[in-house]
Protein backbone atom coordinates (compact mmCIF):
# COMPACT_ATOMS: atom_id res chain seq x y z
CA MET A 1 109.26 -134.40 3.53
CA ALA A 2 105.76 -135.65 4.26
CA ALA A 3 105.66 -133.64 7.49
CA MET A 4 106.13 -130.44 5.49
CA ARG A 5 102.97 -130.93 3.43
CA PRO A 6 99.92 -128.92 4.52
CA PRO A 7 97.37 -130.94 6.50
CA PRO A 8 94.51 -132.49 4.52
CA MET A 9 91.34 -130.48 4.21
CA PRO A 10 89.04 -131.56 7.02
CA SER A 11 85.73 -133.24 6.59
CA ILE A 12 83.82 -133.08 9.88
CA GLU A 13 80.37 -134.66 9.91
CA GLY A 14 80.22 -134.35 6.13
CA PHE A 15 81.53 -130.78 5.99
CA ALA A 16 83.47 -130.29 2.75
CA LEU A 17 85.77 -127.28 2.48
CA PRO A 18 85.64 -127.00 -1.36
CA ARG A 19 81.84 -126.80 -1.30
CA ALA A 20 81.99 -124.15 1.43
CA ALA A 21 84.56 -122.21 -0.59
CA ARG A 22 82.27 -122.24 -3.63
CA SER A 23 79.37 -120.98 -1.54
CA SER A 24 81.59 -118.22 -0.17
CA LEU A 25 82.64 -117.15 -3.66
CA ILE A 26 78.99 -116.94 -4.70
CA PHE A 27 78.31 -114.64 -1.75
CA VAL A 28 81.28 -112.47 -2.72
CA ALA A 29 80.11 -112.28 -6.34
CA VAL A 30 76.59 -111.28 -5.28
CA ALA A 31 78.04 -108.59 -3.00
CA LEU A 32 80.15 -107.19 -5.86
CA VAL A 33 77.07 -106.97 -8.09
CA ALA A 34 75.19 -105.29 -5.23
CA ALA A 35 78.01 -102.75 -4.89
CA LEU A 36 77.59 -101.82 -8.56
CA LEU A 37 73.85 -101.25 -8.08
CA ALA A 38 73.96 -99.52 -4.70
CA ASP A 39 74.35 -95.84 -3.86
CA LEU A 40 77.70 -95.71 -2.05
CA ASP A 41 78.61 -92.06 -2.66
CA ILE A 42 80.06 -89.73 -0.03
CA THR A 43 78.12 -86.48 -0.42
CA THR A 44 79.38 -84.24 2.40
CA ARG A 45 81.87 -81.56 1.42
CA SER A 46 84.09 -81.75 4.51
CA PRO A 47 83.85 -85.11 6.26
CA GLY A 48 87.38 -84.63 7.60
CA PHE A 49 86.42 -81.46 9.48
CA GLU A 50 83.41 -83.13 11.12
CA LEU A 51 85.56 -86.14 12.00
CA GLN A 52 88.06 -83.85 13.73
CA ARG A 53 85.24 -82.37 15.81
CA MET A 54 84.04 -85.84 16.76
CA LEU A 55 87.54 -86.94 17.74
CA ALA A 56 88.00 -83.78 19.79
CA GLY A 57 84.73 -84.51 21.59
CA ALA A 58 85.77 -88.13 22.18
CA LEU A 59 89.00 -86.93 23.83
CA SER A 60 87.13 -84.58 26.18
CA PRO A 61 83.85 -86.31 27.15
CA GLN A 62 81.37 -84.20 29.07
CA LEU A 63 78.70 -85.85 31.20
CA LEU A 64 75.12 -84.70 31.17
CA PRO A 65 73.77 -83.17 34.38
CA TRP A 66 73.72 -85.99 36.94
CA ALA A 67 69.95 -86.00 37.40
CA GLU A 68 69.35 -86.20 33.65
CA LEU A 69 72.00 -88.89 33.13
CA LEU A 70 70.80 -90.99 36.07
CA GLU A 71 67.19 -90.89 34.83
CA ALA A 72 68.20 -91.98 31.32
CA LEU A 73 70.42 -94.72 32.75
CA LEU A 74 67.71 -96.07 35.04
CA GLN A 75 65.16 -96.07 32.23
CA THR A 76 67.56 -97.95 29.96
CA LEU A 77 68.14 -100.53 32.69
CA ALA A 78 64.46 -100.83 33.59
CA TYR A 79 63.37 -101.41 29.99
CA ALA A 80 66.04 -104.07 29.43
CA ILE A 81 65.63 -105.98 32.71
CA ALA A 82 61.82 -105.95 32.62
CA ALA A 83 61.68 -106.99 28.95
CA VAL A 84 64.28 -109.77 29.24
CA THR A 85 62.60 -111.13 32.38
CA LEU A 86 59.21 -111.31 30.68
CA ALA A 87 60.69 -112.71 27.48
CA ALA A 88 62.76 -115.36 29.27
CA GLY A 89 59.72 -116.59 31.21
CA ALA A 90 57.44 -116.65 28.18
CA GLY A 91 60.19 -118.10 25.98
CA PHE A 92 60.83 -120.93 28.43
CA ALA A 93 57.12 -121.81 28.53
CA LEU A 94 56.95 -121.83 24.73
CA SER A 95 60.17 -123.86 24.45
CA LEU A 96 58.43 -126.75 26.24
CA LEU A 97 55.83 -126.75 23.45
CA PHE A 98 58.21 -125.92 20.61
CA GLN A 99 57.64 -129.25 18.86
CA ARG A 100 54.17 -128.02 17.92
CA ARG A 101 54.05 -126.34 14.53
CA ALA A 102 51.75 -123.52 15.67
CA VAL A 103 54.17 -122.57 18.45
CA ARG A 104 57.15 -122.58 16.09
CA LEU A 105 55.27 -120.36 13.61
CA LEU A 106 54.28 -117.95 16.39
CA CYS A 107 57.87 -117.67 17.63
CA THR A 108 59.16 -117.19 14.09
CA ALA A 109 56.66 -114.38 13.50
CA LEU A 110 57.57 -112.67 16.79
CA ARG A 111 61.31 -112.65 16.25
CA SER A 112 61.13 -111.74 12.56
CA VAL A 113 59.92 -108.21 13.42
CA HIS A 114 62.64 -105.95 14.83
CA GLU A 115 62.10 -104.39 18.25
CA LEU A 116 62.27 -100.91 16.71
CA PHE A 117 59.29 -101.70 14.47
CA TRP A 118 57.44 -103.13 17.46
CA GLY A 119 58.34 -99.91 19.24
CA LEU A 120 56.91 -97.72 16.49
CA LEU A 121 53.72 -99.77 16.58
CA PHE A 122 53.31 -99.70 20.37
CA ILE A 123 54.05 -95.99 20.56
CA GLN A 124 51.10 -95.45 18.22
CA LEU A 125 48.90 -97.67 20.39
CA LEU A 126 50.11 -96.75 23.89
CA GLY A 127 51.97 -93.47 23.50
CA ILE A 128 55.51 -92.71 24.65
CA GLN A 129 55.57 -94.62 27.91
CA PRO A 130 57.70 -97.42 29.43
CA LEU A 131 55.19 -100.16 28.64
CA ALA A 132 55.60 -99.50 24.92
CA GLY A 133 59.37 -99.93 25.14
CA VAL A 134 59.21 -103.06 27.30
CA LEU A 135 56.71 -104.77 24.99
CA ALA A 136 58.76 -103.76 21.94
CA ILE A 137 61.78 -105.63 23.31
CA ALA A 138 59.93 -108.48 25.02
CA LEU A 139 57.94 -109.73 22.02
CA PRO A 140 60.81 -110.48 19.59
CA TYR A 141 63.00 -111.68 22.45
CA THR A 142 60.29 -114.16 23.44
CA GLY A 143 60.52 -115.78 20.01
CA ILE A 144 64.33 -115.84 20.23
CA PHE A 145 64.36 -117.29 23.75
CA ALA A 146 61.84 -119.99 22.81
CA LYS A 147 63.93 -121.15 19.85
CA VAL A 148 67.26 -121.16 21.70
CA TYR A 149 65.88 -122.74 24.87
CA ALA A 150 64.12 -125.42 22.82
CA GLU A 151 67.34 -126.32 21.00
CA ILE A 152 69.28 -126.46 24.29
CA LEU A 153 66.60 -128.76 25.75
CA GLU A 154 66.67 -130.91 22.62
CA GLU A 155 70.44 -131.37 22.88
CA ALA A 156 70.13 -132.18 26.58
CA ASP A 157 67.47 -134.82 25.86
CA ALA A 158 69.72 -136.39 23.26
CA ALA A 159 72.64 -136.56 25.68
CA GLU A 160 73.22 -139.34 28.17
CA ARG A 161 70.64 -139.19 30.95
CA PRO A 162 71.72 -139.43 34.59
CA ALA A 163 70.55 -142.46 36.55
CA LEU A 164 67.17 -141.77 38.21
CA PRO A 165 64.94 -144.12 40.16
CA ALA A 166 62.59 -146.20 38.05
CA GLY A 167 59.13 -144.70 37.77
CA SER A 168 60.29 -141.09 38.26
CA ASP A 169 57.67 -138.66 37.03
CA ARG A 170 58.30 -136.16 34.25
CA LEU A 171 58.75 -133.20 36.60
CA SER A 172 61.35 -135.08 38.65
CA ARG A 173 63.22 -136.15 35.52
CA PHE A 174 63.34 -132.53 34.40
CA ALA A 175 64.26 -131.06 37.80
CA TYR A 176 66.98 -133.58 38.69
CA GLY A 177 68.14 -134.59 35.24
CA THR A 178 67.59 -132.19 32.36
CA TRP A 179 67.71 -128.96 34.36
CA ALA A 180 71.18 -129.66 35.78
CA ARG A 181 72.56 -130.02 32.24
CA VAL A 182 70.80 -127.04 30.66
CA ARG A 183 71.06 -124.53 33.50
CA PRO A 184 74.58 -123.23 32.62
CA HIS A 185 73.56 -122.77 28.98
CA PHE A 186 70.30 -121.08 29.95
CA ALA A 187 72.15 -118.78 32.34
CA SER A 188 74.84 -117.86 29.79
CA TYR A 189 72.37 -117.15 27.02
CA THR A 190 69.97 -115.19 29.24
CA LEU A 191 72.78 -112.94 30.42
CA TYR A 192 73.91 -112.42 26.84
CA ARG A 193 70.35 -111.56 25.87
CA LEU A 194 70.31 -108.97 28.68
CA GLU A 195 73.38 -107.41 27.08
CA CYS A 196 71.42 -107.29 23.81
CA GLY A 197 68.47 -105.84 25.75
CA LEU A 198 70.62 -102.95 26.97
CA ARG A 199 71.55 -102.15 23.37
CA SER A 200 67.93 -102.49 22.23
CA SER A 201 66.75 -100.27 25.07
CA THR A 202 69.30 -97.64 24.06
CA VAL A 203 68.26 -97.81 20.40
CA LEU A 204 64.60 -97.21 21.32
CA GLY A 205 65.68 -93.66 22.12
CA PHE A 206 65.91 -93.07 18.37
CA ILE A 207 62.10 -93.23 18.17
CA GLY A 208 61.43 -90.99 21.18
CA LEU A 209 61.61 -93.19 24.28
CA PRO A 210 63.77 -91.40 26.90
CA THR A 211 66.64 -93.90 27.21
CA LEU A 212 70.35 -93.20 26.68
CA GLY A 213 69.80 -93.29 22.92
CA TYR A 214 67.38 -90.36 23.06
CA HIS A 215 70.03 -88.12 24.62
CA LEU A 216 72.68 -89.56 22.32
CA VAL A 217 70.72 -88.54 19.20
CA ALA A 218 70.12 -85.07 20.62
CA ALA A 219 73.83 -84.63 21.41
CA PHE A 220 74.92 -85.68 17.91
CA MET A 221 72.28 -83.56 16.17
CA GLN A 222 73.33 -80.47 18.15
CA GLY A 223 77.02 -81.10 17.56
CA HIS A 224 77.72 -81.74 21.25
CA TYR A 225 80.17 -84.54 20.53
CA ASP A 226 81.69 -84.34 24.00
CA GLN A 227 78.32 -85.24 25.50
CA ALA A 228 77.79 -87.95 22.88
CA ALA A 229 81.17 -89.47 23.77
CA ALA A 230 80.28 -89.50 27.47
CA LEU A 231 76.95 -91.22 26.74
CA LEU A 232 78.67 -93.87 24.63
CA LEU A 233 81.23 -94.46 27.38
CA THR A 234 78.36 -94.85 29.82
CA LEU A 235 76.80 -97.52 27.58
CA TYR A 236 80.13 -99.33 27.21
CA ALA A 237 80.69 -99.27 30.96
CA LEU A 238 77.18 -100.60 31.55
CA ILE A 239 77.74 -103.55 29.21
CA ALA A 240 81.35 -104.23 30.23
CA THR A 241 80.42 -104.45 33.93
CA LEU A 242 77.27 -106.48 33.35
CA ARG A 243 78.68 -109.61 34.97
CA LEU A 244 79.76 -107.63 38.01
CA TRP A 245 76.43 -106.04 38.92
CA MET A 246 73.99 -108.62 37.53
CA ARG A 247 74.13 -111.56 39.89
CA TRP A 248 71.54 -114.32 39.67
CA GLN A 249 70.70 -113.85 43.36
CA LEU A 250 69.80 -110.21 42.60
CA TRP A 251 67.81 -110.86 39.43
CA PRO A 252 64.41 -111.40 41.16
CA LEU A 253 64.83 -108.15 43.10
CA LEU A 254 65.97 -106.13 40.09
CA ALA A 255 63.22 -107.64 37.93
CA ALA A 256 60.57 -106.80 40.52
CA LEU A 257 61.83 -103.20 40.80
CA ALA A 258 61.98 -102.80 37.00
CA LEU A 259 58.51 -104.27 36.38
CA GLY A 260 57.06 -102.23 39.23
CA TRP A 261 58.57 -99.04 37.86
CA VAL A 262 57.22 -99.79 34.38
CA LEU A 263 53.69 -100.41 35.68
CA ILE A 264 53.70 -97.29 37.87
CA HIS A 265 54.83 -95.05 35.01
CA SER A 266 52.54 -96.55 32.35
CA GLU A 267 48.89 -95.97 31.68
CA LEU A 268 46.74 -98.12 29.43
CA GLN A 269 44.03 -95.99 27.82
CA LEU A 270 41.68 -98.56 26.34
CA ARG A 271 39.34 -95.93 24.91
CA LEU A 272 42.08 -94.85 22.50
CA LEU A 273 42.91 -98.36 21.32
CA ALA A 274 39.70 -99.03 19.39
CA PRO A 275 40.10 -96.22 16.80
CA LEU A 276 43.80 -97.00 16.37
CA LEU A 277 43.13 -100.69 15.82
CA GLN A 278 40.47 -99.71 13.32
CA ASP A 279 43.05 -97.60 11.46
CA MET A 280 45.14 -100.76 10.97
CA VAL A 281 42.43 -102.26 8.79
CA PRO A 282 43.26 -101.64 5.10
CA ALA A 283 41.69 -98.41 3.88
CA PRO A 284 39.50 -100.03 1.16
CA LEU A 285 37.99 -102.39 3.75
CA ARG A 286 37.26 -99.54 6.14
CA ALA A 287 35.44 -97.79 3.31
CA GLY A 288 33.56 -100.98 2.44
CA ASP A 289 35.06 -101.04 -1.07
CA TRP A 290 36.40 -104.58 -1.43
CA GLY A 291 37.03 -104.08 -5.13
CA GLN A 292 39.82 -101.59 -4.39
CA LEU A 293 41.71 -103.91 -2.05
CA LEU A 294 43.91 -105.56 -4.69
CA PRO A 295 44.79 -102.26 -6.45
CA TRP A 296 45.61 -100.77 -3.02
CA LEU A 297 47.86 -103.71 -2.22
CA GLY A 298 49.46 -103.55 -5.66
CA ARG A 299 50.36 -99.87 -5.31
CA ILE A 300 51.98 -100.35 -1.88
CA VAL A 301 53.93 -103.40 -3.01
CA ALA A 302 55.12 -101.78 -6.24
CA GLU A 303 55.90 -98.31 -4.86
CA GLN A 304 57.17 -99.13 -1.37
CA ALA A 305 57.60 -102.82 -0.47
CA LEU A 306 59.61 -103.94 -3.52
CA PRO A 307 61.94 -100.90 -3.71
CA GLY A 308 62.51 -101.13 0.04
CA ALA A 309 63.15 -104.88 -0.12
CA PHE A 310 65.57 -104.44 -3.04
CA ASN A 311 67.63 -101.83 -1.17
CA THR A 312 67.50 -103.91 2.01
CA LEU A 313 68.88 -106.92 0.14
CA LEU A 314 71.63 -104.84 -1.49
CA VAL A 315 72.87 -103.56 1.86
CA THR A 316 72.47 -106.95 3.53
CA GLN A 317 74.53 -108.88 0.99
CA MET A 318 77.35 -106.34 1.02
CA ALA A 319 77.33 -106.24 4.82
CA VAL A 320 77.43 -110.05 5.15
CA VAL A 321 80.54 -110.29 2.99
CA LEU A 322 82.19 -107.34 4.74
CA ALA A 323 81.41 -108.88 8.14
CA GLY A 324 82.91 -112.19 7.03
CA ALA A 325 86.07 -110.53 5.70
CA LEU A 326 86.54 -108.50 8.88
CA ALA A 327 85.91 -111.57 11.08
CA LEU A 328 88.58 -113.56 9.22
CA GLY A 329 91.02 -110.72 9.77
CA LEU A 330 90.09 -110.03 13.40
CA PHE A 331 89.78 -113.46 15.00
CA PRO A 332 93.59 -114.04 15.28
CA LEU A 333 93.75 -111.02 17.61
CA LEU A 334 92.16 -113.02 20.41
CA SER A 335 93.14 -116.55 19.45
CA ARG A 336 95.72 -118.45 21.51
CA GLN A 337 96.96 -119.97 18.25
CA PHE A 338 98.38 -116.60 17.14
CA ALA A 339 98.51 -113.89 19.79
CA ALA A 340 100.29 -113.49 23.10
CA ARG A 341 98.27 -112.54 26.17
CA PRO A 342 98.70 -108.71 25.91
CA LEU A 343 97.60 -108.73 22.26
CA ARG A 344 94.67 -111.05 23.05
CA TRP A 345 93.58 -108.71 25.82
CA ALA A 346 93.70 -105.71 23.46
CA GLY A 347 91.93 -107.67 20.72
CA HIS A 348 89.22 -108.79 23.13
CA TRP A 349 88.39 -105.25 24.21
CA LEU A 350 88.53 -103.95 20.64
CA LEU A 351 85.90 -106.49 19.60
CA VAL A 352 83.85 -105.81 22.74
CA LEU A 353 83.85 -102.12 21.82
CA LEU A 354 82.77 -102.80 18.23
CA ARG A 355 80.02 -105.27 19.07
CA SER A 356 78.73 -103.24 22.02
CA THR A 357 77.99 -100.24 19.79
CA PRO A 358 74.54 -100.70 18.22
CA GLU A 359 74.53 -100.68 14.43
CA LEU A 360 72.00 -97.85 14.44
CA ILE A 361 74.41 -95.60 16.34
CA ILE A 362 77.36 -96.43 14.06
CA THR A 363 75.21 -95.76 11.00
CA PHE A 364 73.96 -92.47 12.47
CA VAL A 365 77.52 -91.25 13.09
CA LEU A 366 78.67 -92.26 9.60
CA LEU A 367 75.68 -90.51 8.04
CA LEU A 368 76.75 -87.31 9.78
CA LEU A 369 80.24 -87.77 8.34
CA TRP A 370 79.50 -88.97 4.81
CA GLY A 371 75.95 -87.89 4.04
CA PRO A 372 72.93 -89.97 2.98
CA SER A 373 73.80 -93.15 1.08
CA MET A 374 73.96 -96.90 1.67
CA LEU A 375 77.67 -96.77 2.51
CA PRO A 376 77.21 -95.92 6.23
CA ALA A 377 74.76 -98.80 6.61
CA VAL A 378 77.09 -101.30 4.92
CA ILE A 379 80.08 -100.25 7.04
CA ALA A 380 78.09 -100.21 10.28
CA MET A 381 76.53 -103.63 9.72
CA GLY A 382 79.81 -105.12 8.57
CA VAL A 383 81.85 -103.78 11.49
CA HIS A 384 79.36 -104.71 14.23
CA ASN A 385 78.66 -108.21 12.95
CA GLY A 386 82.25 -108.80 11.91
CA ALA A 387 83.27 -108.19 15.53
CA ILE A 388 80.71 -110.71 16.76
CA VAL A 389 81.68 -113.42 14.26
CA GLY A 390 85.37 -112.68 14.81
CA HIS A 391 84.97 -113.09 18.56
CA LEU A 392 83.14 -116.39 18.18
CA SER A 393 85.60 -117.71 15.61
CA GLY A 394 88.57 -116.75 17.76
CA ARG A 395 87.12 -118.55 20.78
CA PHE A 396 86.38 -121.60 18.62
CA SER A 397 89.96 -121.68 17.33
CA ASP A 398 91.25 -121.86 20.92
CA ALA A 399 89.93 -125.42 21.15
CA LEU A 400 92.12 -126.63 18.29
CA VAL A 401 95.04 -128.91 19.18
CA LEU A 402 97.85 -128.37 16.69
CA ARG A 403 100.96 -130.46 16.10
CA ILE A 404 104.08 -129.54 18.04
CA ASP A 405 105.84 -128.76 14.75
CA ALA A 406 102.91 -126.78 13.34
CA SER A 407 103.95 -123.87 11.15
CA ARG A 408 103.83 -120.25 12.29
CA GLY A 409 102.58 -116.95 10.92
CA LEU A 410 100.59 -116.92 7.69
CA ASN A 411 101.17 -120.62 7.07
CA ARG A 412 99.61 -121.46 10.43
CA TYR A 413 96.67 -119.22 9.58
CA GLY A 414 96.15 -120.50 6.05
CA PHE A 415 96.96 -124.20 6.42
CA GLU A 416 96.58 -125.14 10.07
CA VAL A 417 93.78 -123.04 11.57
CA LEU A 418 91.51 -121.56 8.91
CA PRO A 419 90.61 -124.86 7.17
CA ARG A 420 89.66 -126.37 10.54
CA ILE A 421 87.44 -123.50 11.68
CA TYR A 422 85.99 -122.42 8.33
CA GLY A 423 82.86 -124.53 8.64
CA GLN A 424 82.08 -123.13 12.08
CA PHE A 425 82.91 -119.63 10.85
CA LEU A 426 80.30 -120.01 8.10
CA ALA A 427 77.78 -121.31 10.64
CA PHE A 428 78.31 -118.19 12.75
CA LEU A 429 78.05 -115.94 9.68
CA PHE A 430 74.88 -117.58 8.35
CA TYR A 431 73.25 -117.19 11.76
CA ARG A 432 74.07 -113.48 11.59
CA TRP A 433 72.70 -113.20 8.03
CA GLU A 434 69.07 -113.05 9.14
CA VAL A 435 70.02 -110.66 11.97
CA ILE A 436 71.79 -108.39 9.47
CA MET A 437 68.64 -108.41 7.33
CA ARG A 438 66.46 -107.37 10.29
CA GLU A 439 68.85 -104.61 11.31
CA THR A 440 69.29 -103.35 7.75
CA ALA A 441 65.55 -102.94 7.34
CA VAL A 442 65.46 -100.90 10.56
CA LEU A 443 68.20 -98.51 9.40
CA GLY A 444 65.55 -96.95 7.18
CA VAL A 445 64.41 -94.85 10.15
CA LEU A 446 67.63 -92.85 9.61
CA GLY A 447 66.66 -92.00 6.03
CA ILE A 448 68.32 -94.84 4.12
CA HIS A 449 65.75 -96.22 1.67
CA THR A 450 65.45 -99.70 3.09
CA LEU A 451 62.10 -101.08 4.23
CA GLY A 452 62.31 -99.18 7.51
CA PHE A 453 62.24 -95.87 5.63
CA TYR A 454 58.81 -96.64 4.17
CA ILE A 455 57.53 -98.04 7.47
CA ASP A 456 58.67 -94.96 9.39
CA SER A 457 57.15 -92.68 6.72
CA ALA A 458 53.83 -94.51 7.00
CA PHE A 459 53.80 -94.02 10.78
CA GLU A 460 54.59 -90.33 10.33
CA ARG A 461 51.55 -90.03 8.01
CA PHE A 462 49.47 -92.02 10.54
CA SER A 463 48.85 -94.59 7.80
CA LEU A 464 48.79 -97.49 10.24
CA ASP A 465 47.35 -99.89 7.68
CA VAL A 466 50.24 -99.25 5.29
CA ALA A 467 52.80 -99.48 8.10
CA LEU A 468 51.37 -102.79 9.31
CA LEU A 469 51.37 -104.24 5.79
CA LEU A 470 55.01 -103.24 5.28
CA ILE A 471 55.98 -104.72 8.67
CA VAL A 472 54.34 -108.01 7.64
CA PHE A 473 56.21 -107.85 4.33
CA THR A 474 59.48 -107.25 6.20
CA ALA A 475 58.78 -110.19 8.51
CA ALA A 476 58.11 -112.44 5.51
CA LEU A 477 61.41 -111.38 3.93
CA ASN A 478 63.28 -112.13 7.17
CA ILE A 479 61.63 -115.54 7.43
CA ALA A 480 62.65 -116.30 3.83
CA ILE A 481 66.29 -115.36 4.52
CA GLU A 482 66.28 -117.49 7.67
CA ALA A 483 64.95 -120.45 5.67
CA VAL A 484 67.63 -120.00 2.99
CA ALA A 485 70.35 -119.78 5.66
CA ARG A 486 69.04 -122.93 7.30
CA GLN A 487 69.11 -124.78 3.98
CA LEU A 488 72.68 -123.63 3.38
CA ARG A 489 73.76 -124.86 6.80
CA GLN A 490 72.15 -128.22 6.13
CA ARG A 491 73.69 -128.46 2.67
CA LEU A 492 77.15 -127.70 4.05
CA HIS A 493 76.55 -129.83 7.18
CA LEU A 494 77.21 -126.89 9.46
CA GLN A 495 76.29 -126.66 13.14
CA GLN A 496 72.56 -126.10 13.63
CA HIS A 497 72.53 -124.79 17.21
CA ALA A 498 71.27 -121.20 17.57
CA ASP A 499 73.12 -120.60 20.84
CA THR A 500 76.24 -119.89 18.79
CA GLU A 501 75.39 -116.20 18.64
CA ALA A 502 76.15 -115.71 22.35
CA PRO A 503 79.75 -114.49 22.64
CA GLN A 504 79.92 -114.90 26.41
CA PRO A 505 81.19 -117.97 28.26
CA ALA A 506 78.88 -119.94 30.50
CA LEU A 507 78.44 -118.76 34.08
């Protein structure tokens, strides 16, 4: 009879399942309270009719004229490849100095501001040109690369070192020792970050840069759902075939072509920068009235920053719980512990489809269907991030070795697999928490009253000082959430490695 009892709850490196369960219940309770306070109404009169039109367009995709499509595709590729190349190089250099507090603070500040906010800022400074888009992606990615590369290097240094001749210099130890161990991880993460760069490049079209996203917004706004479907299929094909056309031997050539194209099609007008930079100085200081600075700050914080932060937190907490629930339901679709090969194949491509669609695009489509409220943002963030966490959790569950007489079906899920992967599942989810916060703030550019709504409105009024202050406030909020997530991972003894967000296997 002892063999029929469920396995004991695991405790891996101090991880305690009951404590994790309590933390999960607190998150669920907070999300339920947020749902009571949030605006989740569906305001359109006939969402079903619009959905039918979208489905009809999806079943009969219509490509843009080839010249127009090819130009948008090349610009999307050029932005992503150029930005990721610059960010990977700068991130690697910073990762070697990451033990210094100033470097860590710089990288945290860079990655805490979403690329869409960087894009809005650089468009004001440089105009609508490729350099603005490349810098918008490269700056936050530099901070991300530096952190991930530094953690990979730290783990490699802690591992067993290969035997090298006595007296080997530091460069030789790195080239013949450390580099051999970290190269596969660097390669895997860099390629994953290029996939993210393609999505980021597409999303920059929402603020006017002529990538695939620009044409996608135009198609949806005009009701040309057949063209929108073709553009989405183009994006999916681009991401799905990434490992076929992006070979490491070709990267230097593609990077050189992308950077050259960006430089040729960009123009830096320094004479225009000075007045714009001056406009970023708070208005009371420009007027020489220091006494009005605190009242000016107080009005912006009370009327814009705090309401925007409150709405951002509401959407974020609901989306985190929804993402977790979806991930727990989706991961068996691609786990060898549950699904046969055909089902795993279907589950894999379902999750690839969901995570390859930028949250901004999902939210935009749902806003067209349901009208303005927080509901489209919650669903979009939950679905996209749930697919990512579900993919990672499913791959992690493949490494489990179960007993020969392990139970099947729901018992296997509830007693054999879930208790063993729950700690890692929470680690994945907490890493996505800060990402969900960043993305939720950005969804304000679509009219949802998160922080991005007030930032976008400030840019539209050419109030660069207000926009910059709100961006700094958003960055501070993201840093605070990241710190809380880190404390939770430490308290629950969860994995601390940031490379967990990459859903691709090593090259």
